[in-house]
């Protein structure tokens, strides 16, 4: 499965999770599976963001801290 296929699958699973609830499973790059439930939706969104960042070849940047 390519990264583009993983991304499409993860986005579809996130949609199903948000609309139907229940538990969804995602296949990982190493052949494993990870189960997500509605309370884990933010974790699934983070996984999607990592996939997108990996496809662009640019690292994902965090928030910038500001001090006064």
C-alpha atoms as a PDB file:
ATOM      1  CA  UNK A   1       0.000   0.000   0.000  1.00  0.00           C
ATOM      2  CA  UNK A   2       1.452   3.392  -0.960  1.00  0.00           C
ATOM      3  CA  UNK A   3       1.440   6.467   1.259  1.00  0.00           C
ATOM      4  CA  UNK A   4      -1.249   8.001  -0.966  1.00  0.00           C
ATOM      5  CA  UNK A   5      -3.427   4.917  -0.481  1.00  0.00           C
ATOM      6  CA  UNK A   6      -2.797   4.975   3.283  1.00  0.00           C
ATOM      7  CA  UNK A   7      -3.769   8.645   3.376  1.00  0.00           C
ATOM      8  CA  UNK A   8      -6.997   8.053   1.435  1.00  0.00           C
ATOM      9  CA  UNK A   9      -7.854   5.102   3.676  1.00  0.00           C
ATOM     10  CA  UNK A  10      -7.138   7.054   6.867  1.00  0.00           C
ATOM     11  CA  UNK A  11      -9.228  10.021   5.693  1.00  0.00           C
ATOM     12  CA  UNK A  12     -12.135   7.696   4.840  1.00  0.00           C
ATOM     13  CA  UNK A  13     -11.823   5.997   8.234  1.00  0.00           C
ATOM     14  CA  UNK A  14     -11.782   9.375  10.004  1.00  0.00           C
ATOM     15  CA  UNK A  15     -14.959  10.343   8.174  1.00  0.00           C
ATOM     16  CA  UNK A  16     -16.582   7.047   9.165  1.00  0.00           C
ATOM     17  CA  UNK A  17     -15.424   7.503  12.749  1.00  0.00           C
ATOM     18  CA  UNK A  18     -16.871  11.010  12.948  1.00  0.00           C
ATOM     19  CA  UNK A  19     -20.175  10.153  11.276  1.00  0.00           C
ATOM     20  CA  UNK A  20     -20.873   6.589  12.410  1.00  0.00           C
ATOM     21  CA  UNK A  21     -18.891   6.246  15.626  1.00  0.00           C
ATOM     22  CA  UNK A  22     -17.753   2.759  16.534  1.00  0.00           C
ATOM     23  CA  UNK A  23     -14.212   1.519  15.992  1.00  0.00           C
ATOM     24  CA  UNK A  24     -12.143   1.701  12.791  1.00  0.00           C
ATOM     25  CA  UNK A  25      -8.856  -0.045  11.977  1.00  0.00           C
ATOM     26  CA  UNK A  26      -5.946   1.417  10.026  1.00  0.00           C
ATOM     27  CA  UNK A  27      -3.179  -0.668   8.446  1.00  0.00           C
ATOM     28  CA  UNK A  28       0.271   0.659   9.283  1.00  0.00           C
ATOM     29  CA  UNK A  29       3.327   0.809   7.066  1.00  0.00           C
ATOM     30  CA  UNK A  30       4.951  -2.109   8.887  1.00  0.00           C
ATOM     31  CA  UNK A  31       1.938  -4.371   8.323  1.00  0.00           C
ATOM     32  CA  UNK A  32       0.349  -3.899  11.726  1.00  0.00           C
ATOM     33  CA  UNK A  33      -3.085  -2.557  12.539  1.00  0.00           C
ATOM     34  CA  UNK A  34      -4.194   0.229  14.859  1.00  0.00           C
ATOM     35  CA  UNK A  35      -7.769   0.568  16.105  1.00  0.00           C
ATOM     36  CA  UNK A  36      -9.313   3.985  16.721  1.00  0.00           C
ATOM     37  CA  UNK A  37     -12.536   4.825  18.505  1.00  0.00           C
ATOM     38  CA  UNK A  38     -14.342   8.203  18.617  1.00  0.00           C
ATOM     39  CA  UNK A  39     -12.299   9.382  21.616  1.00  0.00           C
ATOM     40  CA  UNK A  40      -9.118   8.800  19.544  1.00  0.00           C
ATOM     41  CA  UNK A  41     -10.169  10.956  16.579  1.00  0.00           C
ATOM     42  CA  UNK A  42      -7.457  13.522  17.350  1.00  0.00           C
ATOM     43  CA  UNK A  43      -4.821  10.776  17.239  1.00  0.00           C
ATOM     44  CA  UNK A  44      -6.102   9.689  13.833  1.00  0.00           C
ATOM     45  CA  UNK A  45      -5.962  13.301  12.618  1.00  0.00           C
ATOM     46  CA  UNK A  46      -2.332  13.482  13.802  1.00  0.00           C
ATOM     47  CA  UNK A  47      -1.561  10.278  11.868  1.00  0.00           C
ATOM     48  CA  UNK A  48      -3.107  11.844   8.745  1.00  0.00           C
ATOM     49  CA  UNK A  49      -1.000  14.977   9.244  1.00  0.00           C
ATOM     50  CA  UNK A  50       2.161  12.839   9.516  1.00  0.00           C
ATOM     51  CA  UNK A  51       1.257  11.025   6.293  1.00  0.00           C
ATOM     52  CA  UNK A  52       0.690  14.330   4.494  1.00  0.00           C
ATOM     53  CA  UNK A  53       3.984  15.728   5.791  1.00  0.00           C
ATOM     54  CA  UNK A  54       5.813  12.601   4.661  1.00  0.00           C
ATOM     55  CA  UNK A  55       4.348  12.871   1.185  1.00  0.00           C
ATOM     56  CA  UNK A  56       5.469  16.482   0.757  1.00  0.00           C
ATOM     57  CA  UNK A  57       8.964  15.672   1.972  1.00  0.00           C
ATOM     58  CA  UNK A  58       8.878  18.596   4.391  1.00  0.00           C
ATOM     59  CA  UNK A  59       8.865  18.058   8.142  1.00  0.00           C
ATOM     60  CA  UNK A  60       5.818  19.226  10.023  1.00  0.00           C
ATOM     61  CA  UNK A  61       6.568  22.278  12.124  1.00  0.00           C
ATOM     62  CA  UNK A  62       5.202  22.862  15.572  1.00  0.00           C
ATOM     63  CA  UNK A  63       3.910  26.054  17.079  1.00  0.00           C
ATOM     64  CA  UNK A  64       6.280  28.965  17.539  1.00  0.00           C
ATOM     65  CA  UNK A  65       6.817  30.041  21.135  1.00  0.00           C
ATOM     66  CA  UNK A  66       6.798  33.756  21.911  1.00  0.00           C
ATOM     67  CA  UNK A  67       8.244  35.319  25.062  1.00  0.00           C
ATOM     68  CA  UNK A  68       7.946  38.866  26.245  1.00  0.00           C
END
